[in-house]
Amino acid sequence: MRHVFVCPMDDTIEIAMLDITGDYRVHGGINFVTFQPKEPPLYPYVPAYFQDYNHQRAPLRNFLRDETYGFRPRDYLLALHDDATDLEAHALSELLIACGAKETLMEYRAFLLSSEDSYIAVTGSKRAVTVTLVMTALEDTDRIFIPINERVHDTVFDAVRELDPSGKLPVYRFGVPEALSGIGEMVNAAELIRNFIKIL
């Protein structure tokens, strides 16, 4: 099966083409390409690919056409920011469908940082740092959203401890600034892909 992995970052979109074998492994490795909107962002807390949204389709469609030429993916796998609203999730899905995706499978990235049953996820966006208690045994997810201008180490560390007072759960982070490097273990986008594949 062939899929395209799409991971929106602050102002860019990381994209990887995946050839997945029958035992759910990536054949041929994982290589990323980066879509960078031509116009610089005007608004500080809005990703560049959402600004002037109607004019992003053609550049992204052309980029995807050039990068995925002849690849013929089955689905697009979209790793959402953990603070993404339903409207933003729908907008990203519609953007990818307008660019040729037949179906978009979406998952919040907190659930892709590890395949363990329980852990703390610390993820970032242009608006906030999200601290999430991930427990497969629970139906509801506990989350703490920290505004971007309050994302100092102590504030994020306090949020981690609020969700895990005992400090026993592993902590993983993705897409957060270097200032938070002392909190948990960093996860790269390739690991998000491997964990996404496991839940297909």
N, C-alpha and C. Protein backbone atom coordinates (compact mmCIF):
# COMPACT_ATOMS: atom_id res chain seq x y z
N MET A 1 0.84 -1.19 0.00
CA MET A 1 0.00 0.00 0.00
C MET A 1 0.88 1.24 0.00
N ARG A 2 0.44 2.23 -0.74
CA ARG A 2 1.18 3.48 -0.80
C ARG A 2 0.36 4.60 -0.17
N HIS A 3 1.00 5.33 0.73
CA HIS A 3 0.35 6.44 1.40
C HIS A 3 1.27 7.65 1.36
N VAL A 4 0.69 8.81 1.60
CA VAL A 4 1.48 10.04 1.76
C VAL A 4 1.23 10.54 3.17
N PHE A 5 2.32 10.74 3.92
CA PHE A 5 2.24 11.26 5.28
C PHE A 5 2.39 12.78 5.23
N VAL A 6 1.49 13.48 5.92
CA VAL A 6 1.49 14.94 5.91
C VAL A 6 1.50 15.43 7.36
N CYS A 7 2.51 16.23 7.68
CA CYS A 7 2.65 16.73 9.05
C CYS A 7 2.82 18.25 9.01
N PRO A 8 1.74 19.01 9.22
CA PRO A 8 1.86 20.47 9.25
C PRO A 8 2.70 20.92 10.45
N MET A 9 3.64 21.79 10.21
CA MET A 9 4.46 22.35 11.29
C MET A 9 4.02 23.80 11.50
N ASP A 10 4.91 24.65 12.00
CA ASP A 10 4.50 26.03 12.27
C ASP A 10 4.05 26.75 11.00
N ASP A 11 4.92 26.82 10.01
CA ASP A 11 4.58 27.51 8.76
C ASP A 11 4.82 26.65 7.53
N THR A 12 5.33 25.46 7.72
CA THR A 12 5.62 24.56 6.61
C THR A 12 4.82 23.27 6.77
N ILE A 13 4.86 22.42 5.74
CA ILE A 13 4.22 21.12 5.81
C ILE A 13 5.25 20.08 5.41
N GLU A 14 5.53 19.13 6.33
CA GLU A 14 6.46 18.05 6.06
C GLU A 14 5.69 16.90 5.40
N ILE A 15 6.23 16.37 4.32
CA ILE A 15 5.54 15.36 3.53
C ILE A 15 6.50 14.20 3.24
N ALA A 16 5.99 12.97 3.38
CA ALA A 16 6.80 11.79 3.05
C ALA A 16 5.93 10.79 2.30
N MET A 17 6.49 10.18 1.27
CA MET A 17 5.80 9.13 0.53
C MET A 17 6.17 7.79 1.14
N LEU A 18 5.16 6.96 1.41
CA LEU A 18 5.37 5.71 2.12
C LEU A 18 4.91 4.53 1.29
N ASP A 19 5.80 3.56 1.13
CA ASP A 19 5.45 2.30 0.50
C ASP A 19 5.43 1.27 1.62
N ILE A 20 4.22 0.89 2.05
CA ILE A 20 4.05 0.07 3.25
C ILE A 20 3.86 -1.39 2.84
N THR A 21 4.66 -2.27 3.42
CA THR A 21 4.60 -3.69 3.10
C THR A 21 3.44 -4.35 3.83
N GLY A 22 3.20 -5.61 3.54
CA GLY A 22 2.09 -6.35 4.15
C GLY A 22 2.20 -6.50 5.65
N ASP A 23 3.43 -6.46 6.19
CA ASP A 23 3.60 -6.55 7.64
C ASP A 23 3.74 -5.17 8.28
N TYR A 24 3.21 -4.16 7.59
CA TYR A 24 3.15 -2.78 8.09
C TYR A 24 4.53 -2.20 8.43
N ARG A 25 5.43 -2.38 7.51
CA ARG A 25 6.74 -1.74 7.59
C ARG A 25 6.91 -0.85 6.36
N VAL A 26 7.76 0.17 6.50
CA VAL A 26 8.01 1.08 5.39
C VAL A 26 9.12 0.50 4.52
N HIS A 27 8.79 0.26 3.27
CA HIS A 27 9.77 -0.28 2.33
C HIS A 27 10.56 0.88 1.72
N GLY A 28 11.88 0.77 1.77
CA GLY A 28 12.71 1.77 1.11
C GLY A 28 13.03 2.99 1.94
N GLY A 29 12.68 3.02 3.22
CA GLY A 29 13.03 4.15 4.07
C GLY A 29 12.04 5.31 3.99
N ILE A 30 12.31 6.33 4.79
CA ILE A 30 11.43 7.49 4.89
C ILE A 30 12.22 8.75 4.54
N ASN A 31 11.78 9.44 3.52
CA ASN A 31 12.41 10.69 3.12
C ASN A 31 11.37 11.80 3.09
N PHE A 32 11.71 12.93 3.70
CA PHE A 32 10.78 14.04 3.79
C PHE A 32 11.09 15.13 2.76
N VAL A 33 10.04 15.75 2.28
CA VAL A 33 10.15 16.98 1.50
C VAL A 33 9.31 18.03 2.23
N THR A 34 9.68 19.29 2.06
CA THR A 34 9.03 20.37 2.80
C THR A 34 8.33 21.34 1.87
N PHE A 35 7.02 21.52 2.10
CA PHE A 35 6.27 22.54 1.37
C PHE A 35 6.34 23.84 2.15
N GLN A 36 6.84 24.88 1.51
CA GLN A 36 6.98 26.20 2.13
C GLN A 36 6.14 27.20 1.33
N PRO A 37 5.05 27.73 1.91
CA PRO A 37 4.28 28.76 1.19
C PRO A 37 5.18 29.92 0.78
N LYS A 38 4.92 30.45 -0.40
CA LYS A 38 5.78 31.51 -0.92
C LYS A 38 5.66 32.80 -0.13
N GLU A 39 4.44 33.11 0.29
CA GLU A 39 4.22 34.37 1.01
C GLU A 39 4.54 34.19 2.50
N PRO A 40 5.30 35.09 3.09
CA PRO A 40 5.57 34.99 4.53
C PRO A 40 4.29 35.23 5.32
N PRO A 41 4.17 34.62 6.50
CA PRO A 41 2.95 34.79 7.29
C PRO A 41 2.77 36.22 7.78
N LEU A 42 1.53 36.69 7.73
CA LEU A 42 1.22 38.05 8.20
C LEU A 42 0.78 38.06 9.64
N TYR A 43 0.16 36.96 10.09
CA TYR A 43 -0.41 36.91 11.43
C TYR A 43 0.42 35.96 12.29
N PRO A 44 0.79 36.39 13.49
CA PRO A 44 1.78 35.64 14.28
C PRO A 44 1.35 34.26 14.76
N TYR A 45 0.07 34.04 15.02
CA TYR A 45 -0.36 32.77 15.59
C TYR A 45 -1.11 31.88 14.61
N VAL A 46 -1.04 32.21 13.33
CA VAL A 46 -1.73 31.45 12.30
C VAL A 46 -0.68 30.87 11.35
N PRO A 47 -0.67 29.54 11.13
CA PRO A 47 0.30 28.95 10.20
C PRO A 47 0.18 29.56 8.81
N ALA A 48 1.31 29.64 8.12
CA ALA A 48 1.34 30.29 6.80
C ALA A 48 0.41 29.60 5.81
N TYR A 49 0.23 28.28 5.92
CA TYR A 49 -0.62 27.56 4.97
C TYR A 49 -2.10 27.81 5.21
N PHE A 50 -2.47 28.45 6.32
CA PHE A 50 -3.85 28.85 6.55
C PHE A 50 -4.10 30.30 6.18
N GLN A 51 -3.04 31.06 5.98
CA GLN A 51 -3.19 32.46 5.63
C GLN A 51 -3.37 32.55 4.11
N ASP A 52 -4.33 33.33 3.69
CA ASP A 52 -4.69 33.40 2.27
C ASP A 52 -4.99 31.99 1.77
N TYR A 53 -5.83 31.29 2.53
CA TYR A 53 -6.09 29.86 2.37
C TYR A 53 -6.46 29.47 0.94
N ASN A 54 -7.34 30.23 0.30
CA ASN A 54 -7.81 29.88 -1.04
C ASN A 54 -6.70 29.89 -2.08
N HIS A 55 -5.61 30.62 -1.80
CA HIS A 55 -4.51 30.68 -2.75
C HIS A 55 -3.42 29.66 -2.45
N GLN A 56 -3.62 28.81 -1.44
CA GLN A 56 -2.63 27.78 -1.11
C GLN A 56 -2.84 26.51 -1.92
N ARG A 57 -4.04 26.32 -2.45
CA ARG A 57 -4.34 25.05 -3.12
C ARG A 57 -3.45 24.81 -4.33
N ALA A 58 -3.36 25.80 -5.20
CA ALA A 58 -2.58 25.60 -6.43
C ALA A 58 -1.10 25.33 -6.14
N PRO A 59 -0.43 26.13 -5.30
CA PRO A 59 0.98 25.83 -5.02
C PRO A 59 1.18 24.46 -4.36
N LEU A 60 0.30 24.10 -3.41
CA LEU A 60 0.44 22.79 -2.76
C LEU A 60 0.13 21.67 -3.74
N ARG A 61 -0.89 21.85 -4.56
CA ARG A 61 -1.24 20.83 -5.55
C ARG A 61 -0.07 20.60 -6.52
N ASN A 62 0.54 21.69 -6.98
CA ASN A 62 1.68 21.57 -7.89
C ASN A 62 2.86 20.90 -7.21
N PHE A 63 3.09 21.25 -5.95
CA PHE A 63 4.18 20.65 -5.18
C PHE A 63 3.96 19.15 -5.02
N LEU A 64 2.74 18.77 -4.61
CA LEU A 64 2.44 17.35 -4.43
C LEU A 64 2.49 16.60 -5.76
N ARG A 65 2.02 17.23 -6.82
CA ARG A 65 2.06 16.58 -8.13
C ARG A 65 3.50 16.28 -8.55
N ASP A 66 4.38 17.26 -8.33
CA ASP A 66 5.79 17.07 -8.71
C ASP A 66 6.47 16.02 -7.83
N GLU A 67 6.17 16.04 -6.53
CA GLU A 67 6.85 15.14 -5.60
C GLU A 67 6.30 13.72 -5.64
N THR A 68 5.01 13.57 -5.95
CA THR A 68 4.41 12.23 -5.93
C THR A 68 4.12 11.70 -7.32
N TYR A 69 4.75 12.27 -8.34
CA TYR A 69 4.49 11.87 -9.72
C TYR A 69 4.70 10.36 -9.89
N GLY A 70 3.67 9.67 -10.35
CA GLY A 70 3.75 8.24 -10.58
C GLY A 70 3.63 7.38 -9.34
N PHE A 71 3.49 8.01 -8.17
CA PHE A 71 3.47 7.25 -6.92
C PHE A 71 2.09 6.62 -6.66
N ARG A 72 1.03 7.33 -6.98
CA ARG A 72 -0.35 6.87 -6.84
C ARG A 72 -0.67 6.36 -5.43
N PRO A 73 -0.73 7.27 -4.46
CA PRO A 73 -1.01 6.85 -3.08
C PRO A 73 -2.46 6.44 -2.89
N ARG A 74 -2.66 5.58 -1.90
CA ARG A 74 -4.02 5.16 -1.56
C ARG A 74 -4.70 6.21 -0.68
N ASP A 75 -4.04 6.59 0.40
CA ASP A 75 -4.59 7.57 1.35
C ASP A 75 -3.52 8.56 1.76
N TYR A 76 -3.97 9.68 2.29
CA TYR A 76 -3.08 10.65 2.91
C TYR A 76 -3.24 10.53 4.43
N LEU A 77 -2.12 10.42 5.14
CA LEU A 77 -2.12 10.30 6.59
C LEU A 77 -1.76 11.66 7.16
N LEU A 78 -2.68 12.28 7.87
CA LEU A 78 -2.50 13.65 8.36
C LEU A 78 -2.30 13.65 9.87
N ALA A 79 -1.13 14.10 10.31
CA ALA A 79 -0.82 14.21 11.74
C ALA A 79 -1.16 15.62 12.21
N LEU A 80 -2.29 15.74 12.90
CA LEU A 80 -2.80 17.04 13.30
C LEU A 80 -2.09 17.61 14.52
N HIS A 81 -1.97 18.94 14.58
CA HIS A 81 -1.57 19.58 15.83
C HIS A 81 -2.58 19.21 16.91
N ASP A 82 -2.13 19.08 18.13
CA ASP A 82 -3.04 18.68 19.21
C ASP A 82 -4.00 19.79 19.62
N ASP A 83 -3.73 21.03 19.22
CA ASP A 83 -4.67 22.10 19.51
C ASP A 83 -5.51 22.47 18.29
N ALA A 84 -5.46 21.63 17.25
CA ALA A 84 -6.24 21.91 16.04
C ALA A 84 -7.73 21.80 16.33
N THR A 85 -8.49 22.77 15.86
CA THR A 85 -9.94 22.73 16.01
C THR A 85 -10.54 21.82 14.94
N ASP A 86 -11.80 21.47 15.10
CA ASP A 86 -12.48 20.67 14.08
C ASP A 86 -12.49 21.40 12.74
N LEU A 87 -12.65 22.72 12.79
CA LEU A 87 -12.66 23.52 11.56
C LEU A 87 -11.31 23.44 10.86
N GLU A 88 -10.22 23.53 11.62
CA GLU A 88 -8.88 23.45 11.03
C GLU A 88 -8.61 22.06 10.48
N ALA A 89 -9.03 21.03 11.20
CA ALA A 89 -8.84 19.65 10.73
C ALA A 89 -9.58 19.46 9.41
N HIS A 90 -10.81 19.96 9.33
CA HIS A 90 -11.61 19.85 8.11
C HIS A 90 -10.95 20.64 6.98
N ALA A 91 -10.43 21.82 7.30
CA ALA A 91 -9.80 22.66 6.27
C ALA A 91 -8.56 21.97 5.70
N LEU A 92 -7.76 21.35 6.56
CA LEU A 92 -6.57 20.65 6.09
C LEU A 92 -6.95 19.45 5.23
N SER A 93 -7.97 18.72 5.67
CA SER A 93 -8.43 17.56 4.91
C SER A 93 -8.94 18.00 3.53
N GLU A 94 -9.73 19.06 3.52
CA GLU A 94 -10.26 19.57 2.25
C GLU A 94 -9.14 20.07 1.34
N LEU A 95 -8.12 20.67 1.95
CA LEU A 95 -6.99 21.15 1.17
C LEU A 95 -6.28 19.99 0.48
N LEU A 96 -6.08 18.89 1.20
CA LEU A 96 -5.41 17.72 0.63
C LEU A 96 -6.29 17.04 -0.43
N ILE A 97 -7.59 16.98 -0.18
CA ILE A 97 -8.50 16.39 -1.18
C ILE A 97 -8.50 17.23 -2.45
N ALA A 98 -8.46 18.55 -2.28
CA ALA A 98 -8.38 19.43 -3.45
C ALA A 98 -7.07 19.24 -4.21
N CYS A 99 -6.06 18.70 -3.51
CA CYS A 99 -4.76 18.46 -4.14
C CYS A 99 -4.62 17.03 -4.67
N GLY A 100 -5.72 16.26 -4.60
CA GLY A 100 -5.68 14.93 -5.19
C GLY A 100 -5.83 13.76 -4.25
N ALA A 101 -5.90 14.01 -2.94
CA ALA A 101 -6.07 12.90 -2.00
C ALA A 101 -7.46 12.28 -2.15
N LYS A 102 -7.54 10.96 -2.22
CA LYS A 102 -8.84 10.31 -2.29
C LYS A 102 -9.48 10.26 -0.92
N GLU A 103 -8.67 10.02 0.10
CA GLU A 103 -9.17 9.99 1.47
C GLU A 103 -8.06 10.48 2.39
N THR A 104 -8.44 11.20 3.45
CA THR A 104 -7.48 11.68 4.43
C THR A 104 -7.78 11.02 5.78
N LEU A 105 -6.80 10.26 6.27
CA LEU A 105 -6.92 9.64 7.60
C LEU A 105 -6.20 10.55 8.58
N MET A 106 -6.90 11.00 9.62
CA MET A 106 -6.35 11.99 10.54
C MET A 106 -6.16 11.41 11.93
N GLU A 107 -5.09 11.86 12.59
CA GLU A 107 -4.86 11.51 13.99
C GLU A 107 -4.11 12.65 14.66
N TYR A 108 -4.49 12.96 15.89
CA TYR A 108 -3.74 13.96 16.66
C TYR A 108 -2.38 13.38 17.00
N ARG A 109 -1.36 14.23 16.91
CA ARG A 109 0.00 13.70 17.03
C ARG A 109 0.36 13.21 18.42
N ALA A 110 -0.36 13.64 19.46
CA ALA A 110 -0.08 13.12 20.80
C ALA A 110 -0.19 11.60 20.83
N PHE A 111 -1.10 11.05 20.03
CA PHE A 111 -1.33 9.61 20.01
C PHE A 111 -0.34 8.88 19.10
N LEU A 112 0.56 9.63 18.48
CA LEU A 112 1.53 9.04 17.57
C LEU A 112 2.96 9.09 18.10
N LEU A 113 3.14 9.66 19.29
CA LEU A 113 4.50 9.81 19.81
C LEU A 113 5.08 8.51 20.35
N SER A 114 4.22 7.57 20.67
CA SER A 114 4.69 6.28 21.21
C SER A 114 3.62 5.23 20.98
N SER A 115 4.02 3.98 21.01
CA SER A 115 3.06 2.87 20.93
C SER A 115 2.81 2.28 22.31
N GLU A 116 3.34 2.92 23.37
CA GLU A 116 3.10 2.46 24.73
C GLU A 116 1.65 2.73 25.12
N ASP A 117 1.18 2.01 26.14
CA ASP A 117 -0.21 2.17 26.59
C ASP A 117 -0.44 3.48 27.34
N SER A 118 0.59 3.97 28.04
CA SER A 118 0.44 5.17 28.86
C SER A 118 1.70 6.03 28.78
N TYR A 119 1.52 7.33 28.55
CA TYR A 119 2.65 8.24 28.53
C TYR A 119 2.12 9.68 28.51
N ILE A 120 3.04 10.62 28.65
CA ILE A 120 2.72 12.04 28.54
C ILE A 120 3.31 12.56 27.23
N ALA A 121 2.48 13.27 26.46
CA ALA A 121 2.91 13.85 25.19
C ALA A 121 2.99 15.37 25.32
N VAL A 122 4.09 15.95 24.91
CA VAL A 122 4.27 17.40 24.90
C VAL A 122 4.50 17.81 23.45
N THR A 123 3.55 18.53 22.88
CA THR A 123 3.63 18.91 21.47
C THR A 123 3.40 20.41 21.31
N GLY A 124 3.88 20.95 20.19
CA GLY A 124 3.79 22.39 19.99
C GLY A 124 3.10 22.78 18.71
N SER A 125 2.62 24.02 18.68
CA SER A 125 2.08 24.64 17.47
C SER A 125 2.42 26.12 17.55
N LYS A 126 1.92 26.91 16.60
CA LYS A 126 2.17 28.35 16.65
C LYS A 126 1.38 29.04 17.74
N ARG A 127 0.37 28.34 18.28
CA ARG A 127 -0.50 28.95 19.29
C ARG A 127 -0.18 28.51 20.71
N ALA A 128 0.22 27.25 20.85
CA ALA A 128 0.29 26.68 22.19
C ALA A 128 1.22 25.48 22.25
N VAL A 129 1.57 25.15 23.49
CA VAL A 129 2.16 23.85 23.80
C VAL A 129 1.05 23.04 24.45
N THR A 130 0.85 21.82 23.97
CA THR A 130 -0.19 20.95 24.49
C THR A 130 0.45 19.80 25.25
N VAL A 131 0.03 19.62 26.48
CA VAL A 131 0.50 18.51 27.30
C VAL A 131 -0.67 17.55 27.46
N THR A 132 -0.48 16.30 27.03
CA THR A 132 -1.57 15.32 26.96
C THR A 132 -1.23 14.07 27.73
N LEU A 133 -2.17 13.62 28.54
CA LEU A 133 -2.04 12.32 29.20
C LEU A 133 -2.67 11.28 28.27
N VAL A 134 -1.84 10.42 27.71
CA VAL A 134 -2.32 9.38 26.80
C VAL A 134 -2.41 8.06 27.56
N MET A 135 -3.62 7.54 27.69
CA MET A 135 -3.82 6.25 28.34
C MET A 135 -4.87 5.49 27.53
N THR A 136 -4.47 4.38 26.94
CA THR A 136 -5.38 3.64 26.07
C THR A 136 -6.57 3.09 26.84
N ALA A 137 -6.45 2.96 28.16
CA ALA A 137 -7.55 2.42 28.96
C ALA A 137 -8.63 3.46 29.23
N LEU A 138 -8.34 4.74 28.95
CA LEU A 138 -9.30 5.80 29.24
C LEU A 138 -10.01 6.24 27.97
N GLU A 139 -11.31 6.50 28.07
CA GLU A 139 -12.07 6.99 26.92
C GLU A 139 -11.79 8.47 26.67
N ASP A 140 -11.69 9.25 27.75
CA ASP A 140 -11.44 10.68 27.63
C ASP A 140 -9.96 10.96 27.82
N THR A 141 -9.49 12.01 27.16
CA THR A 141 -8.08 12.40 27.23
C THR A 141 -7.95 13.70 28.01
N ASP A 142 -7.05 13.71 28.98
CA ASP A 142 -6.77 14.93 29.74
C ASP A 142 -5.69 15.72 29.01
N ARG A 143 -5.97 17.01 28.78
CA ARG A 143 -5.02 17.87 28.09
C ARG A 143 -4.92 19.21 28.78
N ILE A 144 -3.74 19.78 28.73
CA ILE A 144 -3.51 21.13 29.22
C ILE A 144 -2.91 21.94 28.08
N PHE A 145 -3.54 23.05 27.75
CA PHE A 145 -3.06 23.92 26.68
C PHE A 145 -2.35 25.12 27.31
N ILE A 146 -1.12 25.35 26.91
CA ILE A 146 -0.32 26.46 27.43
C ILE A 146 -0.09 27.46 26.29
N PRO A 147 -0.61 28.69 26.42
CA PRO A 147 -0.41 29.69 25.35
C PRO A 147 1.06 29.86 25.01
N ILE A 148 1.33 30.14 23.75
CA ILE A 148 2.70 30.16 23.24
C ILE A 148 3.59 31.14 23.99
N ASN A 149 3.02 32.25 24.45
CA ASN A 149 3.84 33.23 25.17
C ASN A 149 4.06 32.85 26.63
N GLU A 150 3.54 31.70 27.06
CA GLU A 150 3.76 31.21 28.43
C GLU A 150 4.48 29.87 28.43
N ARG A 151 5.07 29.49 27.30
CA ARG A 151 5.64 28.15 27.15
C ARG A 151 7.05 28.02 27.73
N VAL A 152 7.27 28.56 28.89
CA VAL A 152 8.58 28.42 29.54
C VAL A 152 8.69 27.04 30.17
N HIS A 153 9.91 26.64 30.44
CA HIS A 153 10.19 25.29 30.93
C HIS A 153 9.37 24.95 32.17
N ASP A 154 9.36 25.85 33.17
CA ASP A 154 8.69 25.55 34.43
C ASP A 154 7.19 25.37 34.26
N THR A 155 6.58 26.17 33.40
CA THR A 155 5.13 26.07 33.17
C THR A 155 4.77 24.74 32.54
N VAL A 156 5.56 24.33 31.54
CA VAL A 156 5.30 23.05 30.88
C VAL A 156 5.59 21.89 31.83
N PHE A 157 6.67 21.99 32.60
CA PHE A 157 7.00 20.94 33.56
C PHE A 157 5.89 20.80 34.60
N ASP A 158 5.34 21.92 35.07
CA ASP A 158 4.23 21.87 36.03
C ASP A 158 3.00 21.18 35.44
N ALA A 159 2.74 21.41 34.15
CA ALA A 159 1.60 20.76 33.49
C ALA A 159 1.82 19.26 33.40
N VAL A 160 3.05 18.85 33.12
CA VAL A 160 3.38 17.42 33.08
C VAL A 160 3.12 16.80 34.45
N ARG A 161 3.56 17.46 35.49
CA ARG A 161 3.39 16.93 36.85
C ARG A 161 1.92 16.95 37.29
N GLU A 162 1.15 17.90 36.78
CA GLU A 162 -0.28 17.93 37.11
C GLU A 162 -0.99 16.70 36.55
N LEU A 163 -0.60 16.28 35.36
CA LEU A 163 -1.22 15.12 34.73
C LEU A 163 -0.63 13.80 35.23
N ASP A 164 0.59 13.85 35.73
CA ASP A 164 1.26 12.65 36.25
C ASP A 164 1.98 13.00 37.55
N PRO A 165 1.22 13.15 38.65
CA PRO A 165 1.83 13.57 39.93
C PRO A 165 2.94 12.64 40.42
N SER A 166 2.84 11.36 40.11
CA SER A 166 3.84 10.40 40.58
C SER A 166 5.14 10.49 39.78
N GLY A 167 5.07 11.06 38.59
CA GLY A 167 6.25 11.17 37.74
C GLY A 167 6.73 9.84 37.19
N LYS A 168 5.84 8.86 37.11
CA LYS A 168 6.24 7.52 36.67
C LYS A 168 6.10 7.30 35.17
N LEU A 169 5.27 8.11 34.51
CA LEU A 169 5.03 7.88 33.09
C LEU A 169 6.16 8.47 32.23
N PRO A 170 6.50 7.80 31.14
CA PRO A 170 7.48 8.39 30.22
C PRO A 170 6.90 9.63 29.55
N VAL A 171 7.76 10.56 29.22
CA VAL A 171 7.34 11.81 28.58
C VAL A 171 8.02 11.91 27.22
N TYR A 172 7.23 12.22 26.18
CA TYR A 172 7.76 12.39 24.83
C TYR A 172 7.37 13.76 24.30
N ARG A 173 8.22 14.35 23.49
CA ARG A 173 7.93 15.69 22.96
C ARG A 173 8.17 15.72 21.46
N PHE A 174 7.41 16.60 20.80
CA PHE A 174 7.54 16.77 19.35
C PHE A 174 7.12 18.19 18.98
N GLY A 175 7.92 18.84 18.15
CA GLY A 175 7.55 20.15 17.61
C GLY A 175 7.56 21.28 18.62
N VAL A 176 8.38 21.16 19.66
CA VAL A 176 8.47 22.22 20.66
C VAL A 176 9.85 22.87 20.57
N PRO A 177 10.01 24.10 21.06
CA PRO A 177 11.29 24.80 20.94
C PRO A 177 12.39 24.17 21.79
N GLU A 178 13.63 24.53 21.45
CA GLU A 178 14.80 24.01 22.16
C GLU A 178 14.76 24.32 23.65
N ALA A 179 14.08 25.40 24.03
CA ALA A 179 14.00 25.78 25.44
C ALA A 179 13.35 24.69 26.29
N LEU A 180 12.59 23.80 25.66
CA LEU A 180 11.92 22.72 26.39
C LEU A 180 12.62 21.38 26.21
N SER A 181 13.87 21.41 25.76
CA SER A 181 14.58 20.17 25.45
C SER A 181 14.82 19.30 26.67
N GLY A 182 14.76 19.87 27.86
CA GLY A 182 14.98 19.08 29.07
C GLY A 182 13.76 18.30 29.52
N ILE A 183 12.64 18.48 28.83
CA ILE A 183 11.40 17.80 29.22
C ILE A 183 11.17 16.61 28.30
N GLY A 184 11.34 15.43 28.82
CA GLY A 184 11.03 14.23 28.06
C GLY A 184 12.01 13.91 26.95
N GLU A 185 11.65 12.91 26.17
CA GLU A 185 12.47 12.42 25.07
C GLU A 185 11.91 12.91 23.75
N MET A 186 12.79 13.45 22.91
CA MET A 186 12.35 13.98 21.64
C MET A 186 11.99 12.84 20.67
N VAL A 187 10.90 13.03 19.93
CA VAL A 187 10.46 12.08 18.92
C VAL A 187 10.53 12.77 17.57
N ASN A 188 11.05 12.08 16.56
CA ASN A 188 11.10 12.69 15.24
C ASN A 188 9.90 12.27 14.40
N ALA A 189 9.73 12.93 13.26
CA ALA A 189 8.55 12.69 12.43
C ALA A 189 8.51 11.26 11.88
N ALA A 190 9.67 10.66 11.67
CA ALA A 190 9.70 9.27 11.18
C ALA A 190 9.06 8.33 12.19
N GLU A 191 9.24 8.61 13.47
CA GLU A 191 8.62 7.77 14.50
C GLU A 191 7.10 7.96 14.51
N LEU A 192 6.64 9.17 14.26
CA LEU A 192 5.20 9.40 14.12
C LEU A 192 4.64 8.53 13.01
N ILE A 193 5.37 8.44 11.91
CA ILE A 193 4.92 7.62 10.79
C ILE A 193 4.82 6.16 11.20
N ARG A 194 5.83 5.65 11.86
CA ARG A 194 5.82 4.22 12.26
C ARG A 194 4.65 3.92 13.18
N ASN A 195 4.35 4.83 14.08
CA ASN A 195 3.23 4.61 14.99
C ASN A 195 1.88 4.80 14.29
N PHE A 196 1.84 5.68 13.30
CA PHE A 196 0.61 5.86 12.51
C PHE A 196 0.29 4.57 11.75
N ILE A 197 1.31 3.98 11.18
CA ILE A 197 1.12 2.75 10.39
C ILE A 197 0.54 1.64 11.26
N LYS A 198 0.92 1.59 12.52
CA LYS A 198 0.45 0.54 13.41
C LYS A 198 -1.05 0.59 13.67
N ILE A 199 -1.66 1.77 13.49
CA ILE A 199 -3.09 1.90 13.78
C ILE A 199 -3.93 1.95 12.51
N LEU A 200 -3.32 1.73 11.35
CA LEU A 200 -4.09 1.74 10.11
C LEU A 200 -5.05 0.56 10.06
